[in-house]
Amino acid sequence: MPGINVLPNIAGTAEEGSIAQLWRQNNKVRGQHVFLVKVGDAAIPLEGREQIIDAPDVGDDMIRSVRFARGDYHGRPTLYILIASREVGASPYPAAPTRIQSFALVKDRETFGFTPIRSFVAAATYCHADAALLAELNFPLSPTYAGRITPTGC
């Protein structure tokens, strides 16, 4: 949800965390969601960046989808990030190869971080990144899904 979403016991260590969801508009039709994950007051980077960014293009052909889920990792509840990234060419509209990645928030000694769980290129091609998450991981469509209601979003 937009704004700051507080999560108790964000990584199975009894510490409170949050996910901030903001919208950054660029000077074109497009904009992007910017997510910031924090444990306490510390921002948790993903792949070296504190900001986690999606790429909705114009909505009906999402290029990169960032979604959050809760689940267990090594017996502890934690936060997961699921990302589907379409490898589009000159035009974002045709079906494209899509990389699916998942990361779990874990504490390594005193530091929190996202550890990679799984990464693969889907066998099918997709016109919408959220459709790829549904087809490949059975992860529900976003409430704001604006793609076509087909298995590939095309």
C-alpha atoms as a PDB file:
ATOM      1  CA  MET A   1       0.000   0.000   0.000  1.00  0.00           C
ATOM      2  CA  PRO A   2       1.209   3.552  -0.609  1.00  0.00           C
ATOM      3  CA  GLY A   3       2.836   5.262   2.354  1.00  0.00           C
ATOM      4  CA  ILE A   4       4.657   3.620   5.233  1.00  0.00           C
ATOM      5  CA  ASN A   5       3.636   0.079   6.139  1.00  0.00           C
ATOM      6  CA  VAL A   6       4.856  -1.062   9.561  1.00  0.00           C
ATOM      7  CA  LEU A   7       5.688  -4.756   9.981  1.00  0.00           C
ATOM      8  CA  PRO A   8       6.232  -6.205  13.449  1.00  0.00           C
ATOM      9  CA  ASN A   9       8.877  -8.930  13.615  1.00  0.00           C
ATOM     10  CA  ILE A  10       9.935  -8.143  10.055  1.00  0.00           C
ATOM     11  CA  ALA A  11      12.711 -10.766   9.901  1.00  0.00           C
ATOM     12  CA  GLY A  12      11.955 -13.237  12.694  1.00  0.00           C
ATOM     13  CA  THR A  13      14.141 -11.385  15.217  1.00  0.00           C
ATOM     14  CA  ALA A  14      11.333  -9.520  17.040  1.00  0.00           C
ATOM     15  CA  GLU A  15      12.495  -6.212  15.542  1.00  0.00           C
ATOM     16  CA  GLU A  16       9.977  -3.914  13.913  1.00  0.00           C
ATOM     17  CA  GLY A  17      10.451  -2.839  10.333  1.00  0.00           C
ATOM     18  CA  SER A  18       8.660  -0.984   7.594  1.00  0.00           C
ATOM     19  CA  ILE A  19       8.191  -0.740   3.860  1.00  0.00           C
ATOM     20  CA  ALA A  20       7.695   2.734   2.424  1.00  0.00           C
ATOM     21  CA  GLN A  21       6.031   2.910  -0.982  1.00  0.00           C
ATOM     22  CA  LEU A  22       6.316   6.188  -2.863  1.00  0.00           C
ATOM     23  CA  TRP A  23       5.612   7.293  -6.416  1.00  0.00           C
ATOM     24  CA  ARG A  24       8.215   9.162  -8.435  1.00  0.00           C
ATOM     25  CA  GLN A  25       6.898  10.814 -11.583  1.00  0.00           C
ATOM     26  CA  ASN A  26       9.353  11.538 -14.343  1.00  0.00           C
ATOM     27  CA  ASN A  27       8.765  14.189 -16.983  1.00  0.00           C
ATOM     28  CA  LYS A  28       6.990  11.799 -19.314  1.00  0.00           C
ATOM     29  CA  VAL A  29       3.871   9.674 -19.037  1.00  0.00           C
ATOM     30  CA  ARG A  30       5.850   7.143 -17.039  1.00  0.00           C
ATOM     31  CA  GLY A  31       6.742   7.100 -13.397  1.00  0.00           C
ATOM     32  CA  GLN A  32       7.789   4.421 -10.972  1.00  0.00           C
ATOM     33  CA  HIS A  33       7.187   3.118  -7.488  1.00  0.00           C
ATOM     34  CA  VAL A  34      10.098   3.532  -5.122  1.00  0.00           C
ATOM     35  CA  PHE A  35      10.267   1.201  -2.123  1.00  0.00           C
ATOM     36  CA  LEU A  36      12.434   1.578   0.963  1.00  0.00           C
ATOM     37  CA  VAL A  37      12.701  -1.314   3.445  1.00  0.00           C
ATOM     38  CA  LYS A  38      13.857  -0.499   6.961  1.00  0.00           C
ATOM     39  CA  VAL A  39      14.567  -2.487  10.113  1.00  0.00           C
ATOM     40  CA  GLY A  40      14.419  -0.033  12.976  1.00  0.00           C
ATOM     41  CA  ASP A  41      16.026   3.120  11.568  1.00  0.00           C
ATOM     42  CA  ALA A  42      18.366   1.324   9.144  1.00  0.00           C
ATOM     43  CA  ALA A  43      17.568   1.129   5.426  1.00  0.00           C
ATOM     44  CA  ILE A  44      18.195  -2.344   4.001  1.00  0.00           C
ATOM     45  CA  PRO A  45      19.790  -2.333   0.542  1.00  0.00           C
ATOM     46  CA  LEU A  46      18.947  -4.774  -2.223  1.00  0.00           C
ATOM     47  CA  GLU A  47      21.839  -5.458  -4.589  1.00  0.00           C
ATOM     48  CA  GLY A  48      23.698  -2.399  -3.272  1.00  0.00           C
ATOM     49  CA  ARG A  49      20.836   0.121  -3.549  1.00  0.00           C
ATOM     50  CA  GLU A  50      18.631   1.403  -0.742  1.00  0.00           C
ATOM     51  CA  GLN A  51      15.832   2.261  -3.162  1.00  0.00           C
ATOM     52  CA  ILE A  52      14.016  -0.657  -4.767  1.00  0.00           C
ATOM     53  CA  ILE A  53      12.347   0.478  -7.983  1.00  0.00           C
ATOM     54  CA  ASP A  54       9.751  -1.028 -10.310  1.00  0.00           C
ATOM     55  CA  ALA A  55       9.080  -0.061 -13.927  1.00  0.00           C
ATOM     56  CA  PRO A  56       5.375   0.098 -14.724  1.00  0.00           C
ATOM     57  CA  ASP A  57       5.796   1.671 -18.195  1.00  0.00           C
ATOM     58  CA  VAL A  58       2.183   2.699 -18.914  1.00  0.00           C
ATOM     59  CA  GLY A  59       0.513   0.069 -16.724  1.00  0.00           C
ATOM     60  CA  ASP A  60      -0.752  -2.498 -19.204  1.00  0.00           C
ATOM     61  CA  ASP A  61       2.748  -3.788 -19.993  1.00  0.00           C
ATOM     62  CA  MET A  62       4.635  -3.680 -16.673  1.00  0.00           C
ATOM     63  CA  ILE A  63       8.361  -4.086 -17.340  1.00  0.00           C
ATOM     64  CA  ARG A  64       9.584  -4.714 -13.775  1.00  0.00           C
ATOM     65  CA  SER A  65       7.322  -5.674 -10.898  1.00  0.00           C
ATOM     66  CA  VAL A  66       8.419  -5.570  -7.256  1.00  0.00           C
ATOM     67  CA  ARG A  67       6.190  -7.388  -4.776  1.00  0.00           C
ATOM     68  CA  PHE A  68       6.510  -8.227  -1.089  1.00  0.00           C
ATOM     69  CA  ALA A  69       5.421 -11.356   0.758  1.00  0.00           C
ATOM     70  CA  ARG A  70       5.752 -12.944   4.179  1.00  0.00           C
ATOM     71  CA  GLY A  71       7.015 -16.474   4.667  1.00  0.00           C
ATOM     72  CA  ASP A  72       9.410 -18.672   6.603  1.00  0.00           C
ATOM     73  CA  TYR A  73      13.120 -18.852   5.893  1.00  0.00           C
ATOM     74  CA  HIS A  74      15.062 -21.484   7.851  1.00  0.00           C
ATOM     75  CA  GLY A  75      12.201 -21.729  10.340  1.00  0.00           C
ATOM     76  CA  ARG A  76      11.801 -17.989  10.995  1.00  0.00           C
ATOM     77  CA  PRO A  77       9.135 -15.668   9.624  1.00  0.00           C
ATOM     78  CA  THR A  78      10.578 -13.033   7.331  1.00  0.00           C
ATOM     79  CA  LEU A  79       9.945 -10.606   4.508  1.00  0.00           C
ATOM     80  CA  TYR A  80      10.462 -11.710   0.905  1.00  0.00           C
ATOM     81  CA  ILE A  81      10.914  -9.575  -2.192  1.00  0.00           C
ATOM     82  CA  LEU A  82       9.712 -11.063  -5.479  1.00  0.00           C
ATOM     83  CA  ILE A  83      10.836  -9.365  -8.688  1.00  0.00           C
ATOM     84  CA  ALA A  84       9.879 -10.073 -12.286  1.00  0.00           C
ATOM     85  CA  SER A  85      11.917  -8.180 -14.891  1.00  0.00           C
ATOM     86  CA  ARG A  86      10.969  -8.335 -18.568  1.00  0.00           C
ATOM     87  CA  GLU A  87      13.945  -8.029 -20.917  1.00  0.00           C
ATOM     88  CA  VAL A  88      12.255  -5.723 -23.420  1.00  0.00           C
ATOM     89  CA  GLY A  89      13.725  -4.529 -26.708  1.00  0.00           C
ATOM     90  CA  ALA A  90      13.041  -1.224 -28.451  1.00  0.00           C
ATOM     91  CA  SER A  91       9.319  -1.542 -27.667  1.00  0.00           C
ATOM     92  CA  PRO A  92       7.948  -2.705 -24.300  1.00  0.00           C
ATOM     93  CA  TYR A  93       4.755  -4.133 -25.828  1.00  0.00           C
ATOM     94  CA  PRO A  94       5.705  -7.533 -27.316  1.00  0.00           C
ATOM     95  CA  ALA A  95       6.091 -10.584 -25.098  1.00  0.00           C
ATOM     96  CA  ALA A  96       9.614 -10.713 -23.695  1.00  0.00           C
ATOM     97  CA  PRO A  97      11.858 -13.097 -21.765  1.00  0.00           C
ATOM     98  CA  THR A  98      11.337 -12.528 -18.048  1.00  0.00           C
ATOM     99  CA  ARG A  99      13.718 -13.065 -15.137  1.00  0.00           C
ATOM    100  CA  ILE A 100      12.118 -14.037 -11.817  1.00  0.00           C
ATOM    101  CA  GLN A 101      14.065 -13.361  -8.599  1.00  0.00           C
ATOM    102  CA  SER A 102      13.286 -13.873  -4.929  1.00  0.00           C
ATOM    103  CA  PHE A 103      15.139 -12.559  -1.891  1.00  0.00           C
ATOM    104  CA  ALA A 104      14.654 -13.137   1.857  1.00  0.00           C
ATOM    105  CA  LEU A 105      15.404 -10.583   4.570  1.00  0.00           C
ATOM    106  CA  VAL A 106      17.857 -12.179   7.007  1.00  0.00           C
ATOM    107  CA  LYS A 107      20.116 -11.111   9.840  1.00  0.00           C
ATOM    108  CA  ASP A 108      23.759 -12.139   9.495  1.00  0.00           C
ATOM    109  CA  ARG A 109      25.387 -11.514  12.863  1.00  0.00           C
ATOM    110  CA  GLU A 110      24.489  -7.858  13.484  1.00  0.00           C
ATOM    111  CA  THR A 111      23.533  -6.785   9.965  1.00  0.00           C
ATOM    112  CA  PHE A 112      20.288  -7.246   8.049  1.00  0.00           C
ATOM    113  CA  GLY A 113      20.297  -7.865   4.326  1.00  0.00           C
ATOM    114  CA  PHE A 114      18.430  -9.515   1.484  1.00  0.00           C
ATOM    115  CA  THR A 115      19.839 -12.889   0.530  1.00  0.00           C
ATOM    116  CA  PRO A 116      19.093 -14.285  -2.949  1.00  0.00           C
ATOM    117  CA  ILE A 117      16.855 -17.360  -2.825  1.00  0.00           C
ATOM    118  CA  ARG A 118      16.112 -18.118  -6.454  1.00  0.00           C
ATOM    119  CA  SER A 119      16.683 -16.599  -9.888  1.00  0.00           C
ATOM    120  CA  PHE A 120      15.611 -17.990 -13.250  1.00  0.00           C
ATOM    121  CA  VAL A 121      14.454 -16.954 -16.699  1.00  0.00           C
ATOM    122  CA  ALA A 122      10.910 -18.173 -17.280  1.00  0.00           C
ATOM    123  CA  ALA A 123      10.341 -20.627 -20.133  1.00  0.00           C
ATOM    124  CA  ALA A 124       7.366 -18.557 -21.347  1.00  0.00           C
ATOM    125  CA  THR A 125       7.558 -14.942 -22.506  1.00  0.00           C
ATOM    126  CA  TYR A 126       5.342 -12.281 -20.929  1.00  0.00           C
ATOM    127  CA  CYS A 127       3.751  -8.922 -21.769  1.00  0.00           C
ATOM    128  CA  HIS A 128       3.311  -7.970 -18.094  1.00  0.00           C
ATOM    129  CA  ALA A 129       5.680  -8.657 -15.200  1.00  0.00           C
ATOM    130  CA  ASP A 130       2.832  -9.292 -12.715  1.00  0.00           C
ATOM    131  CA  ALA A 131       1.416 -11.959 -15.057  1.00  0.00           C
ATOM    132  CA  ALA A 132       4.819 -13.663 -14.894  1.00  0.00           C
ATOM    133  CA  LEU A 133       4.727 -13.720 -11.077  1.00  0.00           C
ATOM    134  CA  LEU A 134       1.250 -15.254 -11.186  1.00  0.00           C
ATOM    135  CA  ALA A 135       2.154 -17.898 -13.780  1.00  0.00           C
ATOM    136  CA  GLU A 136       5.613 -18.785 -12.452  1.00  0.00           C
ATOM    137  CA  LEU A 137       5.171 -18.441  -8.660  1.00  0.00           C
ATOM    138  CA  ASN A 138       1.377 -18.522  -8.262  1.00  0.00           C
ATOM    139  CA  PHE A 139       1.664 -15.070  -6.647  1.00  0.00           C
ATOM    140  CA  PRO A 140      -1.622 -13.116  -6.871  1.00  0.00           C
ATOM    141  CA  LEU A 141      -1.970 -10.230  -9.283  1.00  0.00           C
ATOM    142  CA  SER A 142      -1.515  -6.746  -7.892  1.00  0.00           C
ATOM    143  CA  PRO A 143      -4.765  -4.954  -6.949  1.00  0.00           C
ATOM    144  CA  THR A 144      -3.756  -2.323  -9.515  1.00  0.00           C
ATOM    145  CA  TYR A 145      -3.122  -4.865 -12.313  1.00  0.00           C
ATOM    146  CA  ALA A 146      -3.993  -3.260 -15.649  1.00  0.00           C
ATOM    147  CA  GLY A 147      -2.808  -5.955 -18.064  1.00  0.00           C
ATOM    148  CA  ARG A 148      -4.849  -8.362 -20.094  1.00  0.00           C
ATOM    149  CA  ILE A 149      -6.421 -11.291 -18.290  1.00  0.00           C
ATOM    150  CA  THR A 150      -4.448 -14.026 -20.032  1.00  0.00           C
ATOM    151  CA  PRO A 151      -1.720 -16.375 -18.747  1.00  0.00           C
ATOM    152  CA  THR A 152       1.002 -14.156 -20.262  1.00  0.00           C
ATOM    153  CA  GLY A 153      -0.640 -10.745 -19.918  1.00  0.00           C
ATOM    154  CA  CYS A 154      -0.596 -10.399 -23.742  1.00  0.00           C
END
